[in-house]
């Protein structure tokens, strides 16, 4: 008990120290290397905030690519009127981070659970640097973590949180990949449907559905590696700010983007095959399946922004709260990928945009780690829920065989 208490104190001390540095960076007491990661909040989010306060969505802004409940995250700094917009946003991101930690610590101290998940969260988020406090993805991840931790015993609560999360940023809908109880699906559909109907009162609520059709391939994605290498062999394309991210535009980009979409379809097909093939669903499999689903869809996406790693860290942390989870290796790979991520953005982002050796190497490492984590996690999920377990020989039979063995 004393050892457990000491480890908890060490965990909390590590979280406090690392988060203090994150706050000092976003409040610009210290300057983090690379481009300013806080401009999204002070410029883009603040601009959306001014529009949303009028009762309409920023439908004429091509950078608005989010479902209607995202407006709540953008408007949330209004709850702290004694701070300016950016400061309030960072404080709320910090509180969301703290909420996730509390959920993971509470879960980790329950029977058949461990504190590994809380450690994954503390280390993974710290490695990503101040970007995590300058995007609203941390708030979405907090909803997703709460949903998965509620899933085993409160499927309706899980469903409601998933429905809300899906209208915050779509991807939490994938948390239902391993849900076998209809109550979770029904609750998710009811919540999402109700919020969607309420959103119809605001003009442009669903403009996000068509806002990304002309996107290219983002420079940090898996597919972008084709063009990073091709630039050294005379490829005549461009790197431009497009739809709010830095993307490759030019010859054959649409081919690579289509290939990424094809891989996403293959991923969806594999998940369907897994669902119809499942033989057993131990308690940890719900979180494991959610982690695998989001990991696969992230890797095959045309965009892998640094903040996407927050999703993976949060889901890996929930998996590793379960003592029997098989996701220790993929979760560890995701944490290592967080270190590669902060190196490629923001620290060496100029190298990435220039496609020089350092930039390409960092992307190969980060994306390679994610690919290995995806394939490993999918294999472990299949073996743990579909493959027949290896037969075990009863102890009595073993002793009998030893007795009959020739001397």
Protein backbone atom coordinates (compact mmCIF):
# COMPACT_ATOMS: atom_id res chain seq x y z
CA UNK A 1 0.00 0.00 0.00
CA UNK A 2 2.84 2.37 0.85
CA UNK A 3 4.53 1.55 -2.51
CA UNK A 4 1.28 2.27 -4.36
CA UNK A 5 0.92 5.59 -2.56
CA UNK A 6 4.49 6.56 -3.44
CA UNK A 7 3.92 5.71 -7.11
CA UNK A 8 0.73 7.78 -7.11
CA UNK A 9 2.56 10.74 -5.59
CA UNK A 10 5.32 10.37 -8.20
CA UNK A 11 2.71 10.23 -10.97
CA UNK A 12 0.97 13.39 -9.76
CA UNK A 13 4.28 15.20 -9.30
CA UNK A 14 5.35 14.29 -12.84
CA UNK A 15 2.02 15.45 -14.26
CA UNK A 16 2.19 18.74 -12.33
CA UNK A 17 5.73 19.52 -13.42
CA UNK A 18 5.22 18.65 -17.09
CA UNK A 19 1.91 20.53 -17.31
CA UNK A 20 3.46 23.58 -15.68
CA UNK A 21 5.96 23.67 -18.54
CA UNK A 22 3.19 23.26 -21.12
CA UNK A 23 1.35 26.24 -19.62
CA UNK A 24 4.51 28.32 -19.53
CA UNK A 25 5.02 27.60 -23.23
CA UNK A 26 1.48 28.44 -24.37
CA UNK A 27 1.43 31.57 -22.21
CA UNK A 28 4.77 32.43 -23.88
CA UNK A 29 6.75 32.76 -20.68
CA UNK A 30 9.14 30.42 -22.49
CA UNK A 31 9.41 30.13 -26.27
CA UNK A 32 9.09 26.64 -27.72
CA UNK A 33 11.29 25.94 -30.78
CA UNK A 34 9.67 26.14 -34.19
CA UNK A 35 6.61 28.02 -35.47
CA UNK A 36 4.14 29.47 -33.00
CA UNK A 37 1.62 26.71 -32.20
CA UNK A 38 -0.74 29.10 -30.37
CA UNK A 39 -1.80 31.07 -33.45
CA UNK A 40 -4.64 28.62 -34.12
CA UNK A 41 -6.25 29.71 -30.86
CA UNK A 42 -5.49 33.42 -30.91
CA UNK A 43 -6.34 33.91 -34.59
CA UNK A 44 -8.40 31.07 -36.12
CA UNK A 45 -10.41 29.92 -33.08
CA UNK A 46 -10.97 33.49 -31.95
CA UNK A 47 -12.27 34.38 -35.41
CA UNK A 48 -14.68 31.45 -35.33
CA UNK A 49 -15.75 32.50 -31.84
CA UNK A 50 -16.76 35.95 -33.09
CA UNK A 51 -18.85 34.36 -35.87
CA UNK A 52 -20.45 31.68 -33.70
CA UNK A 53 -21.59 34.28 -31.18
CA UNK A 54 -23.84 35.72 -33.91
CA UNK A 55 -25.75 32.43 -34.10
CA UNK A 56 -24.24 31.16 -37.37
CA UNK A 57 -21.43 28.81 -38.33
CA UNK A 58 -18.41 30.13 -40.27
CA UNK A 59 -19.61 28.38 -43.44
CA UNK A 60 -17.66 30.70 -45.77
CA UNK A 61 -14.40 29.82 -44.02
CA UNK A 62 -12.79 26.78 -45.69
CA UNK A 63 -10.82 26.04 -42.53
CA UNK A 64 -14.05 25.25 -40.64
CA UNK A 65 -14.23 21.48 -41.12
CA UNK A 66 -15.90 20.36 -37.93
CA UNK A 67 -19.32 19.00 -36.92
CA UNK A 68 -21.77 21.32 -35.13
CA UNK A 69 -20.94 20.49 -31.49
CA UNK A 70 -17.41 21.77 -32.10
CA UNK A 71 -18.98 25.19 -31.61
CA UNK A 72 -19.24 24.39 -27.91
CA UNK A 73 -15.48 23.91 -27.64
CA UNK A 74 -14.80 27.11 -29.55
CA UNK A 75 -17.29 29.08 -27.44
CA UNK A 76 -16.18 27.53 -24.12
CA UNK A 77 -13.67 30.31 -23.21
CA UNK A 78 -16.70 32.55 -22.64
CA UNK A 79 -17.12 30.68 -19.33
CA UNK A 80 -13.98 32.45 -18.07
CA UNK A 81 -14.76 36.11 -18.86
CA UNK A 82 -12.00 37.39 -16.56
CA UNK A 83 -9.38 36.04 -19.03
CA UNK A 84 -8.84 36.91 -22.67
CA UNK A 85 -9.92 34.31 -25.24
CA UNK A 86 -6.59 32.52 -25.70
CA UNK A 87 -5.76 32.42 -21.98
CA UNK A 88 -9.20 31.02 -21.16
CA UNK A 89 -8.82 28.34 -23.84
CA UNK A 90 -5.46 27.18 -22.43
CA UNK A 91 -6.89 26.99 -18.91
CA UNK A 92 -9.83 24.89 -20.14
CA UNK A 93 -7.45 22.59 -22.03
CA UNK A 94 -5.44 22.21 -18.83
CA UNK A 95 -8.62 21.31 -16.92
CA UNK A 96 -9.56 18.74 -19.57
CA UNK A 97 -6.09 17.24 -19.19
CA UNK A 98 -6.59 17.09 -15.42
CA UNK A 99 -10.01 15.46 -15.86
CA UNK A 100 -8.48 12.69 -17.97
CA UNK A 101 -5.77 12.11 -15.38
CA UNK A 102 -8.37 11.84 -12.59
CA UNK A 103 -10.43 9.35 -14.61
CA UNK A 104 -7.40 7.19 -15.34
CA UNK A 105 -6.12 7.26 -11.75
CA UNK A 106 -9.58 6.37 -10.43
CA UNK A 107 -9.87 3.51 -12.94
CA UNK A 108 -6.33 2.33 -12.28
CA UNK A 109 -6.95 1.84 -8.57
CA UNK A 110 -9.92 -0.47 -9.08
CA UNK A 111 -9.74 -4.31 -9.07
CA UNK A 112 -8.01 -5.88 -12.10
CA UNK A 113 -6.84 -2.47 -13.24
CA UNK A 114 -3.40 -0.86 -13.25
CA UNK A 115 -1.87 2.62 -13.20
CA UNK A 116 -0.08 2.01 -16.51
CA UNK A 117 -2.77 3.94 -18.32
CA UNK A 118 -2.28 7.05 -16.21
CA UNK A 119 1.47 6.92 -16.86
CA UNK A 120 0.90 6.60 -20.61
CA UNK A 121 -1.23 9.75 -20.47
CA UNK A 122 1.22 11.73 -18.36
CA UNK A 123 4.23 10.86 -20.54
CA UNK A 124 2.55 10.86 -23.96
CA UNK A 125 0.91 14.27 -23.63
CA UNK A 126 4.09 15.81 -22.20
CA UNK A 127 6.11 14.53 -25.17
CA UNK A 128 3.76 16.20 -27.65
CA UNK A 129 4.63 19.63 -26.31
CA UNK A 130 2.45 22.75 -26.15
CA UNK A 131 0.47 21.85 -29.29
CA UNK A 132 -1.89 19.78 -27.13
CA UNK A 133 -3.05 22.86 -25.21
CA UNK A 134 -3.45 24.89 -28.38
CA UNK A 135 -6.03 22.61 -30.05
CA UNK A 136 -9.46 21.48 -28.91
CA UNK A 137 -8.62 17.81 -29.54
CA UNK A 138 -7.68 17.37 -25.88
CA UNK A 139 -11.27 18.22 -24.88
CA UNK A 140 -12.63 15.68 -27.38
CA UNK A 141 -10.21 13.06 -26.05
CA UNK A 142 -11.46 13.70 -22.50
CA UNK A 143 -15.00 12.84 -23.67
CA UNK A 144 -13.72 9.71 -25.42
CA UNK A 145 -11.79 8.50 -22.36
CA UNK A 146 -14.84 9.00 -20.15
CA UNK A 147 -16.98 7.09 -22.66
CA UNK A 148 -14.67 4.06 -22.81
CA UNK A 149 -14.22 3.87 -19.05
CA UNK A 150 -18.01 3.91 -18.65
CA UNK A 151 -18.51 1.35 -21.42
CA UNK A 152 -18.12 -1.88 -19.47
CA UNK A 153 -20.85 -1.22 -16.91
CA UNK A 154 -22.84 1.78 -18.22
CA UNK A 155 -23.44 1.28 -21.95
CA UNK A 156 -26.08 4.01 -22.12
CA UNK A 157 -23.68 6.54 -20.60
CA UNK A 158 -21.01 5.42 -23.03
CA UNK A 159 -23.40 5.79 -25.95
CA UNK A 160 -24.45 9.29 -24.91
CA UNK A 161 -20.83 10.39 -24.60
CA UNK A 162 -19.91 8.80 -27.93
CA UNK A 163 -22.83 10.54 -29.63
CA UNK A 164 -21.75 13.86 -28.17
CA UNK A 165 -18.10 13.22 -29.05
CA UNK A 166 -18.98 12.32 -32.64
CA UNK A 167 -20.61 15.73 -33.05
CA UNK A 168 -17.50 17.33 -31.56
CA UNK A 169 -15.05 15.77 -34.02
CA UNK A 170 -16.50 12.66 -35.73
CA UNK A 171 -13.75 10.17 -34.76
CA UNK A 172 -15.26 9.21 -31.36
CA UNK A 173 -17.94 7.33 -33.34
CA UNK A 174 -15.24 4.68 -33.85
CA UNK A 175 -15.36 3.91 -30.12
CA UNK A 176 -18.43 1.81 -30.88
CA UNK A 177 -16.30 -0.62 -32.92
CA UNK A 178 -16.25 -3.09 -30.03
CA UNK A 179 -19.64 -2.30 -28.48
CA UNK A 180 -21.77 -5.45 -28.53
CA UNK A 181 -24.66 -4.11 -26.50
CA UNK A 182 -27.42 -2.42 -28.48
CA UNK A 183 -28.02 0.05 -25.65
CA UNK A 184 -24.73 1.82 -26.39
CA UNK A 185 -25.55 2.17 -30.10
CA UNK A 186 -29.09 3.33 -29.39
CA UNK A 187 -27.96 5.88 -26.84
CA UNK A 188 -25.25 7.18 -29.20
CA UNK A 189 -27.71 7.53 -32.07
CA UNK A 190 -30.28 9.27 -29.90
CA UNK A 191 -27.78 11.76 -28.49
CA UNK A 192 -26.17 12.53 -31.85
CA UNK A 193 -29.55 12.82 -33.55
CA UNK A 194 -30.93 15.16 -30.91
CA UNK A 195 -27.89 17.44 -31.02
CA UNK A 196 -27.94 17.42 -34.82
CA UNK A 197 -31.59 18.52 -34.87
CA UNK A 198 -30.82 21.33 -32.44
CA UNK A 199 -27.93 22.43 -34.66
CA UNK A 200 -30.24 22.88 -37.64
CA UNK A 201 -31.38 26.17 -36.15
CA UNK A 202 -27.94 27.63 -36.94
CA UNK A 203 -27.10 28.33 -40.60
CA UNK A 204 -24.22 26.28 -42.00
CA UNK A 205 -24.28 23.60 -39.30
CA UNK A 206 -23.40 20.79 -41.73
CA UNK A 207 -21.28 22.65 -44.25
CA UNK A 208 -18.32 20.66 -42.92
CA UNK A 209 -19.56 17.59 -44.81
CA UNK A 210 -18.39 19.05 -48.13
CA UNK A 211 -15.64 21.41 -46.98
CA UNK A 212 -12.76 18.95 -47.52
CA UNK A 213 -13.55 17.52 -50.94
CA UNK A 214 -10.70 19.41 -52.68
CA UNK A 215 -8.02 18.74 -50.09
CA UNK A 216 -4.60 17.52 -51.12
CA UNK A 217 -2.25 15.28 -49.15
CA UNK A 218 -1.03 16.82 -45.91
CA UNK A 219 2.77 16.98 -45.59
CA UNK A 220 2.87 14.86 -42.40
CA UNK A 221 0.64 12.02 -43.59
CA UNK A 222 1.78 8.55 -44.58
CA UNK A 223 1.06 9.23 -48.25
CA UNK A 224 3.09 12.44 -48.19
CA UNK A 225 6.29 10.40 -47.98
CA UNK A 226 5.83 9.60 -51.68
CA UNK A 227 6.13 13.29 -52.58
CA UNK A 228 8.83 14.10 -50.03
CA UNK A 229 11.04 11.55 -51.80
CA UNK A 230 9.75 12.44 -55.29
CA UNK A 231 10.81 16.08 -54.84
CA UNK A 232 14.41 14.88 -54.90
CA UNK A 233 13.79 13.29 -58.31
CA UNK A 234 12.22 16.25 -60.04
CA UNK A 235 8.54 16.06 -59.04
CA UNK A 236 6.99 19.38 -60.03
CA UNK A 237 4.47 19.97 -57.27
CA UNK A 238 3.98 22.55 -54.56
CA UNK A 239 3.70 22.76 -50.79
CA UNK A 240 0.93 25.21 -49.92
CA UNK A 241 -1.33 26.18 -47.05
CA UNK A 242 -4.62 24.61 -48.15
CA UNK A 243 -7.81 24.16 -46.11
CA UNK A 244 -5.99 25.12 -42.94
CA UNK A 245 -3.05 22.73 -43.26
CA UNK A 246 0.20 22.52 -45.22
CA UNK A 247 -0.39 20.14 -48.13
CA UNK A 248 1.16 18.82 -51.31
CA UNK A 249 -0.62 19.98 -54.46
CA UNK A 250 0.31 18.98 -57.98
CA UNK A 251 0.71 15.97 -60.30
CA UNK A 252 -0.39 12.59 -58.91
CA UNK A 253 -1.53 14.02 -55.57
CA UNK A 254 -5.08 12.94 -56.34
CA UNK A 255 -3.77 9.39 -56.96
CA UNK A 256 -2.15 9.21 -53.55
CA UNK A 257 -5.21 10.75 -51.89
CA UNK A 258 -7.39 8.13 -53.60
CA UNK A 259 -5.03 5.40 -52.42
CA UNK A 260 -5.39 6.68 -48.85
CA UNK A 261 -9.18 6.59 -49.22
CA UNK A 262 -8.93 3.02 -50.59
CA UNK A 263 -6.87 1.98 -47.56
CA UNK A 264 -9.49 3.53 -45.30
CA UNK A 265 -12.18 1.44 -47.04
CA UNK A 266 -10.02 -1.67 -46.57
CA UNK A 267 -9.67 -0.78 -42.89
CA UNK A 268 -13.44 -0.46 -42.56
CA UNK A 269 -13.87 -3.83 -44.25
CA UNK A 270 -11.38 -5.46 -41.86
CA UNK A 271 -13.24 -4.04 -38.87
CA UNK A 272 -16.53 -5.45 -40.21
CA UNK A 273 -14.88 -8.84 -40.71
CA UNK A 274 -13.53 -8.71 -37.17
CA UNK A 275 -16.97 -7.86 -35.75
CA UNK A 276 -18.68 -10.82 -37.44
CA UNK A 277 -15.81 -13.14 -36.49
CA UNK A 278 -15.58 -12.29 -32.77
CA UNK A 279 -15.79 -15.35 -30.51
CA UNK A 280 -15.23 -13.70 -27.12
CA UNK A 281 -15.21 -10.17 -25.73
CA UNK A 282 -13.34 -9.91 -22.41
CA UNK A 283 -13.83 -6.63 -20.50
CA UNK A 284 -10.72 -4.99 -21.94
CA UNK A 285 -11.66 -5.77 -25.56
CA UNK A 286 -14.02 -2.78 -25.84
CA UNK A 287 -11.15 -0.35 -25.26
CA UNK A 288 -8.72 -2.42 -27.33
CA UNK A 289 -11.10 -2.41 -30.32
CA UNK A 290 -11.63 1.34 -30.06
CA UNK A 291 -7.89 1.94 -29.96
CA UNK A 292 -7.28 -0.29 -32.98
CA UNK A 293 -10.09 1.33 -34.99
CA UNK A 294 -8.91 4.90 -34.38
CA UNK A 295 -5.27 3.92 -34.94
CA UNK A 296 -6.04 2.30 -38.30
CA UNK A 297 -8.18 5.18 -39.53
CA UNK A 298 -5.57 7.71 -38.41
CA UNK A 299 -2.72 5.98 -40.24
CA UNK A 300 -4.71 5.67 -43.50
CA UNK A 301 -5.94 9.28 -43.41
CA UNK A 302 -4.80 11.98 -45.87
CA UNK A 303 -3.99 14.07 -42.80
CA UNK A 304 -2.01 13.15 -39.67
CA UNK A 305 -1.81 16.37 -37.73
CA UNK A 306 0.22 16.40 -34.49
CA UNK A 307 -2.91 16.83 -32.37
CA UNK A 308 -4.26 13.51 -33.69
CA UNK A 309 -1.68 11.83 -31.50
CA UNK A 310 -3.63 13.03 -28.45
CA UNK A 311 -6.48 10.75 -29.49
CA UNK A 312 -4.18 7.75 -29.70
CA UNK A 313 -2.48 8.49 -26.38
CA UNK A 314 -5.84 8.79 -24.63
CA UNK A 315 -7.20 5.53 -26.05
CA UNK A 316 -3.93 3.68 -25.39
CA UNK A 317 -4.10 4.92 -21.80
CA UNK A 318 -7.60 3.49 -21.36
CA UNK A 319 -6.46 0.14 -22.79
CA UNK A 320 -3.54 -0.06 -20.39
CA UNK A 321 -5.77 0.62 -17.40
CA UNK A 322 -6.86 -3.00 -17.86
CA UNK A 323 -4.40 -5.51 -16.48
CA UNK A 324 -5.25 -8.05 -19.23
CA UNK A 325 -5.05 -5.67 -22.18
CA UNK A 326 -2.89 -6.82 -25.07
CA UNK A 327 -2.10 -3.28 -26.22
CA UNK A 328 1.06 -2.64 -24.18
CA UNK A 329 3.41 -2.85 -27.17
CA UNK A 330 1.26 -0.75 -29.58
CA UNK A 331 0.63 1.76 -26.79
CA UNK A 332 4.36 2.03 -26.14
CA UNK A 333 5.01 2.57 -29.85
CA UNK A 334 2.46 5.40 -29.87
CA UNK A 335 4.26 7.08 -26.97
CA UNK A 336 7.60 6.84 -28.81
CA UNK A 337 5.84 8.24 -31.90
CA UNK A 338 4.83 11.25 -29.77
CA UNK A 339 8.51 12.09 -29.34
CA UNK A 340 9.08 11.84 -33.09
CA UNK A 341 5.98 13.99 -33.62
CA UNK A 342 7.16 16.91 -31.49
CA UNK A 343 10.48 16.78 -33.32
CA UNK A 344 8.83 16.99 -36.75
CA UNK A 345 6.29 19.56 -35.55
CA UNK A 346 6.93 22.17 -34.44
CA UNK A 347 10.67 21.85 -33.78
CA UNK A 348 11.81 20.76 -37.27
CA UNK A 349 8.73 21.62 -39.31
CA UNK A 350 10.78 23.81 -41.67
CA UNK A 351 12.82 20.70 -42.51
CA UNK A 352 9.63 18.73 -43.15
CA UNK A 353 8.24 21.41 -45.47
CA UNK A 354 11.58 21.55 -47.29
CA UNK A 355 11.66 17.74 -47.62
CA UNK A 356 15.29 17.64 -46.55
CA UNK A 357 16.97 14.57 -45.08
CA UNK A 358 16.17 15.42 -41.47
CA UNK A 359 12.51 16.15 -42.22
CA UNK A 360 12.04 12.96 -44.25
CA UNK A 361 13.82 10.86 -41.62
CA UNK A 362 11.59 12.18 -38.83
CA UNK A 363 8.47 11.47 -40.86
CA UNK A 364 9.66 7.97 -41.75
CA UNK A 365 10.27 7.27 -38.07
CA UNK A 366 6.97 8.72 -36.80
CA UNK A 367 4.78 7.22 -39.51
CA UNK A 368 6.72 3.96 -39.45
CA UNK A 369 6.07 3.62 -35.72
CA UNK A 370 2.36 4.24 -36.30
CA UNK A 371 2.19 1.65 -39.09
CA UNK A 372 3.92 -0.97 -36.93
CA UNK A 373 1.66 -0.08 -34.00
CA UNK A 374 -1.42 -0.42 -36.23
CA UNK A 375 -0.49 -3.82 -37.65
CA UNK A 376 0.60 -5.12 -34.25
CA UNK A 377 -2.54 -3.88 -32.51
CA UNK A 378 -4.84 -5.34 -35.18
CA UNK A 379 -3.08 -8.71 -34.95
CA UNK A 380 -3.27 -8.76 -31.15
CA UNK A 381 -6.96 -7.81 -31.20
CA UNK A 382 -7.72 -10.61 -33.64
CA UNK A 383 -5.74 -13.19 -31.65
CA UNK A 384 -7.37 -12.10 -28.39
CA UNK A 385 -10.98 -12.13 -29.58
CA UNK A 386 -11.23 -14.31 -32.71
CA UNK A 387 -8.48 -16.94 -32.80
CA UNK A 388 -9.14 -20.09 -30.83
CA UNK A 389 -7.06 -20.12 -27.62
CA UNK A 390 -4.31 -22.72 -27.49
CA UNK A 391 -5.49 -25.86 -25.69
CA UNK A 392 -4.14 -26.26 -22.19
CA UNK A 393 -3.16 -29.59 -20.69
CA UNK A 394 -4.69 -30.17 -17.25
CA UNK A 395 -2.07 -30.56 -14.49
CA UNK A 396 -3.29 -34.07 -13.66
CA UNK A 397 -2.86 -35.21 -17.27
CA UNK A 398 0.62 -33.73 -17.33
CA UNK A 399 1.64 -35.70 -14.23
CA UNK A 400 0.22 -38.90 -15.76
CA UNK A 401 2.22 -38.37 -18.96
CA UNK A 402 5.39 -37.85 -16.92
CA UNK A 403 4.75 -41.05 -15.01
CA UNK A 404 4.26 -43.10 -18.20
CA UNK A 405 7.28 -41.61 -19.96
CA UNK A 406 10.13 -44.15 -20.52
CA UNK A 407 13.14 -43.74 -18.26
